[in-house]
Amino acid sequence: MNVLWPVVDLHRGNNQLLGIMTIAAVLEKHGHRSDVVDASPRAAADMLRKRRYDILAFSTMSVHCRTFLRLNRALKKEFSILSIFGGPHPTYSPGMIEQEGVDAVCVGEGEFAMLDLVRNL
């Protein structure tokens, strides 16, 4: 399975990557691939065109939630891909599963939840 992680301010050295990289390490250990991309519609769409991804994964704090939801909806218009939202916002607001285009949410730590997801797809 291939997982694509759009990240806000990718090139500014933010701390979003710690959780993503921890999950990616667990996935990689079990034979899966994760890539990180800037959360711009153009950059994410370009990555989705270059490689077949099975999951579009977002790790989001509340401050970035609307940005990621807009990006997810835009990408799903062009690509058939499962999207999952994890991180602080979905953990404390799991009702976001009701948002248009959100296929799944991860509540709490995501390392083994993501591994279970990719194993069962």
PDB file of N, CA and C in Angstrom:
ATOM      1  N   MET A   1       0.835  -1.179   0.000  1.00  0.00           N
ATOM      2  CA  MET A   1       0.000   0.000   0.000  1.00  0.00           C
ATOM      3  C   MET A   1       0.885   1.249   0.000  1.00  0.00           C
ATOM      4  N   ASN A   2       0.422   2.262  -0.688  1.00  0.00           N
ATOM      5  CA  ASN A   2       1.109   3.549  -0.723  1.00  0.00           C
ATOM      6  C   ASN A   2       0.228   4.607  -0.068  1.00  0.00           C
ATOM      7  N   VAL A   3       0.816   5.368   0.829  1.00  0.00           N
ATOM      8  CA  VAL A   3       0.104   6.405   1.576  1.00  0.00           C
ATOM      9  C   VAL A   3       0.733   7.754   1.254  1.00  0.00           C
ATOM     10  N   LEU A   4      -0.108   8.746   0.927  1.00  0.00           N
ATOM     11  CA  LEU A   4       0.361  10.102   0.674  1.00  0.00           C
ATOM     12  C   LEU A   4      -0.117  11.012   1.792  1.00  0.00           C
ATOM     13  N   TRP A   5       0.818  11.767   2.385  1.00  0.00           N
ATOM     14  CA  TRP A   5       0.547  12.668   3.508  1.00  0.00           C
ATOM     15  C   TRP A   5       0.752  14.122   3.079  1.00  0.00           C
ATOM     16  N   PRO A   6      -0.297  14.873   2.765  1.00  0.00           N
ATOM     17  CA  PRO A   6      -0.128  16.312   2.536  1.00  0.00           C
ATOM     18  C   PRO A   6       0.174  17.024   3.855  1.00  0.00           C
ATOM     19  N   VAL A   7       1.126  17.956   3.820  1.00  0.00           N
ATOM     20  CA  VAL A   7       1.561  18.658   5.031  1.00  0.00           C
ATOM     21  C   VAL A   7       1.590  20.162   4.757  1.00  0.00           C
ATOM     22  N   VAL A   8       1.029  20.940   5.674  1.00  0.00           N
ATOM     23  CA  VAL A   8       1.066  22.400   5.578  1.00  0.00           C
ATOM     24  C   VAL A   8       2.462  22.877   5.954  1.00  0.00           C
ATOM     25  N   ASP A   9       2.970  23.856   5.222  1.00  0.00           N
ATOM     26  CA  ASP A   9       4.285  24.445   5.502  1.00  0.00           C
ATOM     27  C   ASP A   9       5.386  23.394   5.564  1.00  0.00           C
ATOM     28  N   LEU A  10       5.377  22.495   4.615  1.00  0.00           N
ATOM     29  CA  LEU A  10       6.332  21.383   4.586  1.00  0.00           C
ATOM     30  C   LEU A  10       7.776  21.857   4.687  1.00  0.00           C
ATOM     31  N   HIS A  11       8.094  22.935   4.026  1.00  0.00           N
ATOM     32  CA  HIS A  11       9.485  23.379   3.958  1.00  0.00           C
ATOM     33  C   HIS A  11       9.870  24.376   5.041  1.00  0.00           C
ATOM     34  N   ARG A  12       9.034  24.535   6.050  1.00  0.00           N
ATOM     35  CA  ARG A  12       9.342  25.473   7.132  1.00  0.00           C
ATOM     36  C   ARG A  12       9.774  24.783   8.417  1.00  0.00           C
ATOM     37  N   GLY A  13      10.022  23.505   8.372  1.00  0.00           N
ATOM     38  CA  GLY A  13      10.516  22.786   9.550  1.00  0.00           C
ATOM     39  C   GLY A  13       9.510  22.706  10.677  1.00  0.00           C
ATOM     40  N   ASN A  14       8.277  22.327  10.372  1.00  0.00           N
ATOM     41  CA  ASN A  14       7.241  22.269  11.408  1.00  0.00           C
ATOM     42  C   ASN A  14       7.274  20.935  12.145  1.00  0.00           C
ATOM     43  N   ASN A  15       6.510  20.858  13.216  1.00  0.00           N
ATOM     44  CA  ASN A  15       6.513  19.644  14.035  1.00  0.00           C
ATOM     45  C   ASN A  15       5.424  18.655  13.651  1.00  0.00           C
ATOM     46  N   GLN A  16       4.668  18.923  12.591  1.00  0.00           N
ATOM     47  CA  GLN A  16       3.655  17.976  12.130  1.00  0.00           C
ATOM     48  C   GLN A  16       4.266  16.647  11.737  1.00  0.00           C
ATOM     49  N   LEU A  17       5.492  16.694  11.302  1.00  0.00           N
ATOM     50  CA  LEU A  17       6.108  15.505  10.715  1.00  0.00           C
ATOM     51  C   LEU A  17       6.427  14.410  11.716  1.00  0.00           C
ATOM     52  N   LEU A  18       6.546  14.723  12.990  1.00  0.00           N
ATOM     53  CA  LEU A  18       6.911  13.708  13.976  1.00  0.00           C
ATOM     54  C   LEU A  18       5.907  12.557  13.993  1.00  0.00           C
ATOM     55  N   GLY A  19       4.639  12.860  14.111  1.00  0.00           N
ATOM     56  CA  GLY A  19       3.624  11.804  14.121  1.00  0.00           C
ATOM     57  C   GLY A  19       3.559  11.060  12.806  1.00  0.00           C
ATOM     58  N   ILE A  20       3.624  11.807  11.719  1.00  0.00           N
ATOM     59  CA  ILE A  20       3.573  11.189  10.396  1.00  0.00           C
ATOM     60  C   ILE A  20       4.761  10.256  10.201  1.00  0.00           C
ATOM     61  N   MET A  21       5.942  10.700  10.564  1.00  0.00           N
ATOM     62  CA  MET A  21       7.134   9.877  10.364  1.00  0.00           C
ATOM     63  C   MET A  21       7.123   8.637  11.254  1.00  0.00           C
ATOM     64  N   THR A  22       6.544   8.747  12.433  1.00  0.00           N
ATOM     65  CA  THR A  22       6.419   7.581  13.306  1.00  0.00           C
ATOM     66  C   THR A  22       5.497   6.538  12.667  1.00  0.00           C
ATOM     67  N   ILE A  23       4.368   6.999  12.153  1.00  0.00           N
ATOM     68  CA  ILE A  23       3.441   6.090  11.477  1.00  0.00           C
ATOM     69  C   ILE A  23       4.095   5.513  10.225  1.00  0.00           C
ATOM     70  N   ALA A  24       4.763   6.367   9.462  1.00  0.00           N
ATOM     71  CA  ALA A  24       5.422   5.916   8.231  1.00  0.00           C
ATOM     72  C   ALA A  24       6.476   4.855   8.520  1.00  0.00           C
ATOM     73  N   ALA A  25       7.202   4.998   9.622  1.00  0.00           N
ATOM     74  CA  ALA A  25       8.221   4.011   9.982  1.00  0.00           C
ATOM     75  C   ALA A  25       7.589   2.652  10.264  1.00  0.00           C
ATOM     76  N   VAL A  26       6.466   2.647  10.965  1.00  0.00           N
ATOM     77  CA  VAL A  26       5.768   1.384  11.243  1.00  0.00           C
ATOM     78  C   VAL A  26       5.276   0.772   9.933  1.00  0.00           C
ATOM     79  N   LEU A  27       4.693   1.591   9.065  1.00  0.00           N
ATOM     80  CA  LEU A  27       4.207   1.085   7.780  1.00  0.00           C
ATOM     81  C   LEU A  27       5.350   0.533   6.935  1.00  0.00           C
ATOM     82  N   GLU A  28       6.464   1.292   6.884  1.00  0.00           N
ATOM     83  CA  GLU A  28       7.611   0.852   6.085  1.00  0.00           C
ATOM     84  C   GLU A  28       8.173  -0.473   6.586  1.00  0.00           C
ATOM     85  N   LYS A  29       8.231  -0.633   7.898  1.00  0.00           N
ATOM     86  CA  LYS A  29       8.736  -1.872   8.491  1.00  0.00           C
ATOM     87  C   LYS A  29       7.921  -3.079   8.019  1.00  0.00           C
ATOM     88  N   HIS A  30       6.656  -2.822   7.672  1.00  0.00           N
ATOM     89  CA  HIS A  30       5.771  -3.901   7.226  1.00  0.00           C
ATOM     90  C   HIS A  30       5.541  -3.880   5.717  1.00  0.00           C
ATOM     91  N   GLY A  31       6.437  -3.218   4.980  1.00  0.00           N
ATOM     92  CA  GLY A  31       6.416  -3.296   3.532  1.00  0.00           C
ATOM     93  C   GLY A  31       5.558  -2.287   2.793  1.00  0.00           C
ATOM     94  N   HIS A  32       5.119  -1.244   3.477  1.00  0.00           N
ATOM     95  CA  HIS A  32       4.282  -0.223   2.854  1.00  0.00           C
ATOM     96  C   HIS A  32       5.091   1.056   2.663  1.00  0.00           C
ATOM     97  N   ARG A  33       4.610   1.909   1.785  1.00  0.00           N
ATOM     98  CA  ARG A  33       5.335   3.135   1.463  1.00  0.00           C
ATOM     99  C   ARG A  33       4.514   4.360   1.874  1.00  0.00           C
ATOM    100  N   SER A  34       5.201   5.375   2.394  1.00  0.00           N
ATOM    101  CA  SER A  34       4.585   6.659   2.720  1.00  0.00           C
ATOM    102  C   SER A  34       5.413   7.768   2.093  1.00  0.00           C
ATOM    103  N   ASP A  35       4.739   8.751   1.530  1.00  0.00           N
ATOM    104  CA  ASP A  35       5.391   9.935   0.995  1.00  0.00           C
ATOM    105  C   ASP A  35       4.704  11.165   1.567  1.00  0.00           C
ATOM    106  N   VAL A  36       5.481  12.213   1.746  1.00  0.00           N
ATOM    107  CA  VAL A  36       4.972  13.496   2.247  1.00  0.00           C
ATOM    108  C   VAL A  36       5.020  14.482   1.095  1.00  0.00           C
ATOM    109  N   VAL A  37       4.006  15.327   1.002  1.00  0.00           N
ATOM    110  CA  VAL A  37       3.927  16.329  -0.054  1.00  0.00           C
ATOM    111  C   VAL A  37       3.377  17.623   0.536  1.00  0.00           C
ATOM    112  N   ASP A  38       3.765  18.737  -0.053  1.00  0.00           N
ATOM    113  CA  ASP A  38       3.202  20.018   0.356  1.00  0.00           C
ATOM    114  C   ASP A  38       1.695  19.985   0.124  1.00  0.00           C
ATOM    115  N   ALA A  39       0.946  20.576   1.029  1.00  0.00           N
ATOM    116  CA  ALA A  39      -0.514  20.516   0.976  1.00  0.00           C
ATOM    117  C   ALA A  39      -1.127  21.506  -0.005  1.00  0.00           C
ATOM    118  N   SER A  40      -0.444  21.802  -1.074  1.00  0.00           N
ATOM    119  CA  SER A  40      -1.054  22.630  -2.120  1.00  0.00           C
ATOM    120  C   SER A  40      -1.773  21.699  -3.087  1.00  0.00           C
ATOM    121  N   PRO A  41      -2.902  22.139  -3.623  1.00  0.00           N
ATOM    122  CA  PRO A  41      -3.628  21.269  -4.562  1.00  0.00           C
ATOM    123  C   PRO A  41      -2.766  20.812  -5.734  1.00  0.00           C
ATOM    124  N   ARG A  42      -1.955  21.703  -6.268  1.00  0.00           N
ATOM    125  CA  ARG A  42      -1.122  21.343  -7.424  1.00  0.00           C
ATOM    126  C   ARG A  42      -0.082  20.280  -7.055  1.00  0.00           C
ATOM    127  N   ALA A  43       0.644  20.484  -5.964  1.00  0.00           N
ATOM    128  CA  ALA A  43       1.690  19.534  -5.567  1.00  0.00           C
ATOM    129  C   ALA A  43       1.099  18.168  -5.238  1.00  0.00           C
ATOM    130  N   ALA A  44      -0.005  18.148  -4.505  1.00  0.00           N
ATOM    131  CA  ALA A  44      -0.628  16.872  -4.136  1.00  0.00           C
ATOM    132  C   ALA A  44      -1.163  16.152  -5.373  1.00  0.00           C
ATOM    133  N   ALA A  45      -1.817  16.874  -6.270  1.00  0.00           N
ATOM    134  CA  ALA A  45      -2.338  16.253  -7.487  1.00  0.00           C
ATOM    135  C   ALA A  45      -1.203  15.710  -8.350  1.00  0.00           C
ATOM    136  N   ASP A  46      -0.107  16.455  -8.444  1.00  0.00           N
ATOM    137  CA  ASP A  46       1.042  15.974  -9.216  1.00  0.00           C
ATOM    138  C   ASP A  46       1.573  14.655  -8.659  1.00  0.00           C
ATOM    139  N   MET A  47       1.668  14.568  -7.331  1.00  0.00           N
ATOM    140  CA  MET A  47       2.137  13.313  -6.714  1.00  0.00           C
ATOM    141  C   MET A  47       1.169  12.173  -6.995  1.00  0.00           C
ATOM    142  N   LEU A  48      -0.133  12.451  -6.917  1.00  0.00           N
ATOM    143  CA  LEU A  48      -1.125  11.411  -7.163  1.00  0.00           C
ATOM    144  C   LEU A  48      -1.100  10.941  -8.615  1.00  0.00           C
ATOM    145  N   ARG A  49      -0.710  11.806  -9.520  1.00  0.00           N
ATOM    146  CA  ARG A  49      -0.595  11.414 -10.933  1.00  0.00           C
ATOM    147  C   ARG A  49       0.670  10.593 -11.182  1.00  0.00           C
ATOM    148  N   LYS A  50       1.739  10.866 -10.431  1.00  0.00           N
ATOM    149  CA  LYS A  50       3.027  10.204 -10.655  1.00  0.00           C
ATOM    150  C   LYS A  50       3.069   8.782 -10.110  1.00  0.00           C
ATOM    151  N   ARG A  51       2.392   8.526  -9.022  1.00  0.00           N
ATOM    152  CA  ARG A  51       2.460   7.221  -8.365  1.00  0.00           C
ATOM    153  C   ARG A  51       1.053   6.827  -7.926  1.00  0.00           C
ATOM    154  N   ARG A  52       0.806   5.544  -7.902  1.00  0.00           N
ATOM    155  CA  ARG A  52      -0.486   5.053  -7.430  1.00  0.00           C
ATOM    156  C   ARG A  52      -0.484   5.048  -5.899  1.00  0.00           C
ATOM    157  N   TYR A  53      -1.364   5.849  -5.325  1.00  0.00           N
ATOM    158  CA  TYR A  53      -1.532   5.876  -3.870  1.00  0.00           C
ATOM    159  C   TYR A  53      -2.879   5.270  -3.526  1.00  0.00           C
ATOM    160  N   ASP A  54      -2.902   4.547  -2.422  1.00  0.00           N
ATOM    161  CA  ASP A  54      -4.128   3.898  -1.967  1.00  0.00           C
ATOM    162  C   ASP A  54      -4.853   4.730  -0.919  1.00  0.00           C
ATOM    163  N   ILE A  55      -4.081   5.504  -0.155  1.00  0.00           N
ATOM    164  CA  ILE A  55      -4.647   6.268   0.959  1.00  0.00           C
ATOM    165  C   ILE A  55      -4.084   7.685   0.934  1.00  0.00           C
ATOM    166  N   LEU A  56      -4.979   8.639   1.145  1.00  0.00           N
ATOM    167  CA  LEU A  56      -4.620  10.032   1.348  1.00  0.00           C
ATOM    168  C   LEU A  56      -4.816  10.285   2.834  1.00  0.00           C
ATOM    169  N   ALA A  57      -3.720  10.512   3.561  1.00  0.00           N
ATOM    170  CA  ALA A  57      -3.773  10.597   5.026  1.00  0.00           C
ATOM    171  C   ALA A  57      -3.426  12.008   5.486  1.00  0.00           C
ATOM    172  N   PHE A  58      -4.227  12.525   6.387  1.00  0.00           N
ATOM    173  CA  PHE A  58      -4.016  13.862   6.927  1.00  0.00           C
ATOM    174  C   PHE A  58      -3.834  13.769   8.436  1.00  0.00           C
ATOM    175  N   SER A  59      -2.780  14.376   8.944  1.00  0.00           N
ATOM    176  CA  SER A  59      -2.599  14.533  10.383  1.00  0.00           C
ATOM    177  C   SER A  59      -2.851  16.009  10.653  1.00  0.00           C
ATOM    178  N   THR A  60      -3.941  16.301  11.343  1.00  0.00           N
ATOM    179  CA  THR A  60      -4.347  17.698  11.428  1.00  0.00           C
ATOM    180  C   THR A  60      -4.644  18.197  12.832  1.00  0.00           C
ATOM    181  N   MET A  61      -4.162  19.394  13.064  1.00  0.00           N
ATOM    182  CA  MET A  61      -4.579  20.169  14.224  1.00  0.00           C
ATOM    183  C   MET A  61      -5.799  20.971  13.776  1.00  0.00           C
ATOM    184  N   SER A  62      -6.544  21.499  14.712  1.00  0.00           N
ATOM    185  CA  SER A  62      -7.758  22.244  14.368  1.00  0.00           C
ATOM    186  C   SER A  62      -7.471  23.410  13.436  1.00  0.00           C
ATOM    187  N   VAL A  63      -6.344  24.075  13.620  1.00  0.00           N
ATOM    188  CA  VAL A  63      -6.020  25.247  12.817  1.00  0.00           C
ATOM    189  C   VAL A  63      -5.894  24.926  11.332  1.00  0.00           C
ATOM    190  N   HIS A  64      -5.534  23.697  10.982  1.00  0.00           N
ATOM    191  CA  HIS A  64      -5.362  23.314   9.582  1.00  0.00           C
ATOM    192  C   HIS A  64      -6.508  22.472   9.030  1.00  0.00           C
ATOM    193  N   CYS A  65      -7.486  22.191   9.851  1.00  0.00           N
ATOM    194  CA  CYS A  65      -8.548  21.263   9.462  1.00  0.00           C
ATOM    195  C   CYS A  65      -9.296  21.731   8.209  1.00  0.00           C
ATOM    196  N   ARG A  66      -9.702  22.974   8.156  1.00  0.00           N
ATOM    197  CA  ARG A  66     -10.450  23.470   6.983  1.00  0.00           C
ATOM    198  C   ARG A  66      -9.608  23.383   5.716  1.00  0.00           C
ATOM    199  N   THR A  67      -8.323  23.708   5.826  1.00  0.00           N
ATOM    200  CA  THR A  67      -7.422  23.623   4.669  1.00  0.00           C
ATOM    201  C   THR A  67      -7.377  22.194   4.147  1.00  0.00           C
ATOM    202  N   PHE A  68      -7.223  21.234   5.053  1.00  0.00           N
ATOM    203  CA  PHE A  68      -7.139  19.834   4.642  1.00  0.00           C
ATOM    204  C   PHE A  68      -8.470  19.313   4.096  1.00  0.00           C
ATOM    205  N   LEU A  69      -9.575  19.745   4.681  1.00  0.00           N
ATOM    206  CA  LEU A  69     -10.874  19.320   4.169  1.00  0.00           C
ATOM    207  C   LEU A  69     -11.094  19.833   2.747  1.00  0.00           C
ATOM    208  N   ARG A  70     -10.736  21.091   2.485  1.00  0.00           N
ATOM    209  CA  ARG A  70     -10.852  21.645   1.128  1.00  0.00           C
ATOM    210  C   ARG A  70      -9.956  20.877   0.154  1.00  0.00           C
ATOM    211  N   LEU A  71      -8.727  20.624   0.574  1.00  0.00           N
ATOM    212  CA  LEU A  71      -7.795  19.885  -0.278  1.00  0.00           C
ATOM    213  C   LEU A  71      -8.324  18.488  -0.569  1.00  0.00           C
ATOM    214  N   ASN A  72      -8.807  17.807   0.446  1.00  0.00           N
ATOM    215  CA  ASN A  72      -9.350  16.466   0.287  1.00  0.00           C
ATOM    216  C   ASN A  72     -10.502  16.457  -0.712  1.00  0.00           C
ATOM    217  N   ARG A  73     -11.435  17.394  -0.569  1.00  0.00           N
ATOM    218  CA  ARG A  73     -12.573  17.453  -1.499  1.00  0.00           C
ATOM    219  C   ARG A  73     -12.104  17.715  -2.931  1.00  0.00           C
ATOM    220  N   ALA A  74     -11.144  18.622  -3.096  1.00  0.00           N
ATOM    221  CA  ALA A  74     -10.632  18.937  -4.433  1.00  0.00           C
ATOM    222  C   ALA A  74      -9.962  17.710  -5.064  1.00  0.00           C
ATOM    223  N   LEU A  75      -9.149  17.002  -4.297  1.00  0.00           N
ATOM    224  CA  LEU A  75      -8.443  15.838  -4.832  1.00  0.00           C
ATOM    225  C   LEU A  75      -9.397  14.699  -5.161  1.00  0.00           C
ATOM    226  N   LYS A  76     -10.427  14.532  -4.352  1.00  0.00           N
ATOM    227  CA  LYS A  76     -11.368  13.440  -4.585  1.00  0.00           C
ATOM    228  C   LYS A  76     -12.231  13.677  -5.828  1.00  0.00           C
ATOM    229  N   LYS A  77     -12.279  14.914  -6.316  1.00  0.00           N
ATOM    230  CA  LYS A  77     -12.993  15.174  -7.571  1.00  0.00           C
ATOM    231  C   LYS A  77     -12.255  14.549  -8.753  1.00  0.00           C
ATOM    232  N   GLU A  78     -10.938  14.453  -8.640  1.00  0.00           N
ATOM    233  CA  GLU A  78     -10.129  13.919  -9.735  1.00  0.00           C
ATOM    234  C   GLU A  78      -9.658  12.485  -9.487  1.00  0.00           C
ATOM    235  N   PHE A  79      -9.451  12.118  -8.230  1.00  0.00           N
ATOM    236  CA  PHE A  79      -8.861  10.821  -7.905  1.00  0.00           C
ATOM    237  C   PHE A  79      -9.796   9.999  -7.023  1.00  0.00           C
ATOM    238  N   SER A  80      -9.840   8.712  -7.296  1.00  0.00           N
ATOM    239  CA  SER A  80     -10.592   7.788  -6.454  1.00  0.00           C
ATOM    240  C   SER A  80      -9.616   7.249  -5.411  1.00  0.00           C
ATOM    241  N   ILE A  81      -9.693   7.790  -4.214  1.00  0.00           N
ATOM    242  CA  ILE A  81      -8.735   7.440  -3.174  1.00  0.00           C
ATOM    243  C   ILE A  81      -9.411   7.524  -1.809  1.00  0.00           C
ATOM    244  N   LEU A  82      -9.050   6.622  -0.924  1.00  0.00           N
ATOM    245  CA  LEU A  82      -9.584   6.634   0.439  1.00  0.00           C
ATOM    246  C   LEU A  82      -8.860   7.703   1.239  1.00  0.00           C
ATOM    247  N   SER A  83      -9.602   8.496   1.997  1.00  0.00           N
ATOM    248  CA  SER A  83      -8.963   9.516   2.832  1.00  0.00           C
ATOM    249  C   SER A  83      -9.240   9.235   4.307  1.00  0.00           C
ATOM    250  N   ILE A  84      -8.207   9.473   5.098  1.00  0.00           N
ATOM    251  CA  ILE A  84      -8.308   9.310   6.546  1.00  0.00           C
ATOM    252  C   ILE A  84      -7.717  10.535   7.219  1.00  0.00           C
ATOM    253  N   PHE A  85      -8.375  10.982   8.269  1.00  0.00           N
ATOM    254  CA  PHE A  85      -7.915  12.125   9.048  1.00  0.00           C
ATOM    255  C   PHE A  85      -7.586  11.655  10.450  1.00  0.00           C
ATOM    256  N   GLY A  86      -6.389  12.008  10.907  1.00  0.00           N
ATOM    257  CA  GLY A  86      -5.961  11.700  12.259  1.00  0.00           C
ATOM    258  C   GLY A  86      -5.290  12.923  12.854  1.00  0.00           C
ATOM    259  N   GLY A  87      -4.772  12.761  14.050  1.00  0.00           N
ATOM    260  CA  GLY A  87      -4.124  13.873  14.732  1.00  0.00           C
ATOM    261  C   GLY A  87      -5.025  14.465  15.801  1.00  0.00           C
ATOM    262  N   PRO A  88      -4.617  15.608  16.357  1.00  0.00           N
ATOM    263  CA  PRO A  88      -5.368  16.198  17.467  1.00  0.00           C
ATOM    264  C   PRO A  88      -6.822  16.542  17.139  1.00  0.00           C
ATOM    265  N   HIS A  89      -7.079  17.141  15.968  1.00  0.00           N
ATOM    266  CA  HIS A  89      -8.456  17.566  15.688  1.00  0.00           C
ATOM    267  C   HIS A  89      -9.435  16.390  15.633  1.00  0.00           C
ATOM    268  N   PRO A  90      -9.185  15.353  14.822  1.00  0.00           N
ATOM    269  CA  PRO A  90     -10.132  14.242  14.796  1.00  0.00           C
ATOM    270  C   PRO A  90     -10.201  13.471  16.113  1.00  0.00           C
ATOM    271  N   THR A  91      -9.108  13.464  16.861  1.00  0.00           N
ATOM    272  CA  THR A  91      -9.133  12.780  18.151  1.00  0.00           C
ATOM    273  C   THR A  91     -10.138  13.436  19.091  1.00  0.00           C
ATOM    274  N   TYR A  92     -10.173  14.766  19.089  1.00  0.00           N
ATOM    275  CA  TYR A  92     -11.087  15.488  19.988  1.00  0.00           C
ATOM    276  C   TYR A  92     -12.404  15.842  19.325  1.00  0.00           C
ATOM    277  N   SER A  93     -12.480  15.722  17.998  1.00  0.00           N
ATOM    278  CA  SER A  93     -13.717  16.015  17.258  1.00  0.00           C
ATOM    279  C   SER A  93     -13.971  14.912  16.232  1.00  0.00           C
ATOM    280  N   PRO A  94     -14.209  13.680  16.699  1.00  0.00           N
ATOM    281  CA  PRO A  94     -14.384  12.575  15.753  1.00  0.00           C
ATOM    282  C   PRO A  94     -15.619  12.727  14.868  1.00  0.00           C
ATOM    283  N   GLY A  95     -16.499  13.640  15.206  1.00  0.00           N
ATOM    284  CA  GLY A  95     -17.674  13.897  14.379  1.00  0.00           C
ATOM    285  C   GLY A  95     -17.318  14.435  13.002  1.00  0.00           C
ATOM    286  N   MET A  96     -16.052  14.779  12.798  1.00  0.00           N
ATOM    287  CA  MET A  96     -15.657  15.265  11.472  1.00  0.00           C
ATOM    288  C   MET A  96     -15.813  14.183  10.410  1.00  0.00           C
ATOM    289  N   ILE A  97     -16.058  12.940  10.833  1.00  0.00           N
ATOM    290  CA  ILE A  97     -16.324  11.864   9.886  1.00  0.00           C
ATOM    291  C   ILE A  97     -17.532  12.214   9.018  1.00  0.00           C
ATOM    292  N   GLU A  98     -18.390  13.095   9.504  1.00  0.00           N
ATOM    293  CA  GLU A  98     -19.590  13.492   8.764  1.00  0.00           C
ATOM    294  C   GLU A  98     -19.293  14.510   7.665  1.00  0.00           C
ATOM    295  N   GLN A  99     -18.069  15.049   7.630  1.00  0.00           N
ATOM    296  CA  GLN A  99     -17.713  16.033   6.611  1.00  0.00           C
ATOM    297  C   GLN A  99     -17.646  15.375   5.230  1.00  0.00           C
ATOM    298  N   GLU A 100     -18.035  16.109   4.218  1.00  0.00           N
ATOM    299  CA  GLU A 100     -18.006  15.617   2.846  1.00  0.00           C
ATOM    300  C   GLU A 100     -16.603  15.142   2.462  1.00  0.00           C
ATOM    301  N   GLY A 101     -16.519  13.930   1.950  1.00  0.00           N
ATOM    302  CA  GLY A 101     -15.264  13.390   1.454  1.00  0.00           C
ATOM    303  C   GLY A 101     -14.397  12.691   2.476  1.00  0.00           C
ATOM    304  N   VAL A 102     -14.736  12.769   3.752  1.00  0.00           N
ATOM    305  CA  VAL A 102     -13.943  12.104   4.789  1.00  0.00           C
ATOM    306  C   VAL A 102     -14.407  10.653   4.880  1.00  0.00           C
ATOM    307  N   ASP A 103     -13.488   9.731   4.597  1.00  0.00           N
ATOM    308  CA  ASP A 103     -13.838   8.318   4.618  1.00  0.00           C
ATOM    309  C   ASP A 103     -13.612   7.672   5.981  1.00  0.00           C
ATOM    310  N   ALA A 104     -12.624   8.160   6.721  1.00  0.00           N
ATOM    311  CA  ALA A 104     -12.304   7.561   8.015  1.00  0.00           C
ATOM    312  C   ALA A 104     -11.607   8.591   8.893  1.00  0.00           C
ATOM    313  N   VAL A 105     -11.720   8.390  10.206  1.00  0.00           N
ATOM    314  CA  VAL A 105     -10.948   9.183  11.163  1.00  0.00           C
ATOM    315  C   VAL A 105     -10.233   8.223  12.093  1.00  0.00           C
ATOM    316  N   CYS A 106      -9.084   8.661  12.566  1.00  0.00           N
ATOM    317  CA  CYS A 106      -8.318   7.901  13.543  1.00  0.00           C
ATOM    318  C   CYS A 106      -8.346   8.688  14.842  1.00  0.00           C
ATOM    319  N   VAL A 107      -8.830   8.068  15.887  1.00  0.00           N
ATOM    320  CA  VAL A 107      -8.891   8.691  17.204  1.00  0.00           C
ATOM    321  C   VAL A 107      -7.763   8.125  18.046  1.00  0.00           C
ATOM    322  N   GLY A 108      -6.901   8.998  18.539  1.00  0.00           N
ATOM    323  CA  GLY A 108      -5.779   8.558  19.361  1.00  0.00           C
ATOM    324  C   GLY A 108      -4.554   8.267  18.517  1.00  0.00           C
ATOM    325  N   GLU A 109      -3.668   7.458  19.071  1.00  0.00           N
ATOM    326  CA  GLU A 109      -2.405   7.138  18.392  1.00  0.00           C
ATOM    327  C   GLU A 109      -2.674   6.349  17.116  1.00  0.00           C
ATOM    328  N   GLY A 110      -1.952   6.682  16.048  1.00  0.00           N
ATOM    329  CA  GLY A 110      -2.273   6.118  14.754  1.00  0.00           C
ATOM    330  C   GLY A 110      -1.357   5.046  14.218  1.00  0.00           C
ATOM    331  N   GLU A 111      -0.248   4.754  14.893  1.00  0.00           N
ATOM    332  CA  GLU A 111       0.723   3.826  14.323  1.00  0.00           C
ATOM    333  C   GLU A 111       0.104   2.481  13.972  1.00  0.00           C
ATOM    334  N   PHE A 112      -0.518   1.847  14.927  1.00  0.00           N
ATOM    335  CA  PHE A 112      -1.033   0.506  14.682  1.00  0.00           C
ATOM    336  C   PHE A 112      -2.426   0.540  14.073  1.00  0.00           C
ATOM    337  N   ALA A 113      -3.152   1.633  14.257  1.00  0.00           N
ATOM    338  CA  ALA A 113      -4.439   1.786  13.574  1.00  0.00           C
ATOM    339  C   ALA A 113      -4.222   1.871  12.062  1.00  0.00           C
ATOM    340  N   MET A 114      -3.212   2.644  11.632  1.00  0.00           N
ATOM    341  CA  MET A 114      -2.910   2.738  10.195  1.00  0.00           C
ATOM    342  C   MET A 114      -2.403   1.398   9.664  1.00  0.00           C
ATOM    343  N   LEU A 115      -1.589   0.710  10.432  1.00  0.00           N
ATOM    344  CA  LEU A 115      -1.106  -0.605  10.007  1.00  0.00           C
ATOM    345  C   LEU A 115      -2.283  -1.561   9.832  1.00  0.00           C
ATOM    346  N   ASP A 116      -3.212  -1.556  10.777  1.00  0.00           N
ATOM    347  CA  ASP A 116      -4.414  -2.398  10.642  1.00  0.00           C
ATOM    348  C   ASP A 116      -5.210  -2.020   9.398  1.00  0.00           C
ATOM    349  N   LEU A 117      -5.335  -0.732   9.155  1.00  0.00           N
ATOM    350  CA  LEU A 117      -6.087  -0.271   7.986  1.00  0.00           C
ATOM    351  C   LEU A 117      -5.451  -0.773   6.693  1.00  0.00           C
ATOM    352  N   VAL A 118      -4.158  -0.562   6.530  1.00  0.00           N
ATOM    353  CA  VAL A 118      -3.527  -0.980   5.268  1.00  0.00           C
ATOM    354  C   VAL A 118      -3.509  -2.505   5.129  1.00  0.00           C
ATOM    355  N   ARG A 119      -3.426  -3.209   6.204  1.00  0.00           N
ATOM    356  CA  ARG A 119      -3.450  -4.680   6.133  1.00  0.00           C
ATOM    357  C   ARG A 119      -4.823  -5.187   5.699  1.00  0.00           C
ATOM    358  N   ASN A 120      -5.865  -4.445   6.060  1.00  0.00           N
ATOM    359  CA  ASN A 120      -7.222  -4.916   5.794  1.00  0.00           C
ATOM    360  C   ASN A 120      -7.838  -4.360   4.510  1.00  0.00           C
ATOM    361  N   LEU A 121      -7.122  -3.495   3.819  1.00  0.00           N
ATOM    362  CA  LEU A 121      -7.650  -2.979   2.538  1.00  0.00           C
ATOM    363  C   LEU A 121      -7.313  -3.911   1.407  1.00  0.00           C
TER     364      LEU A 121
END
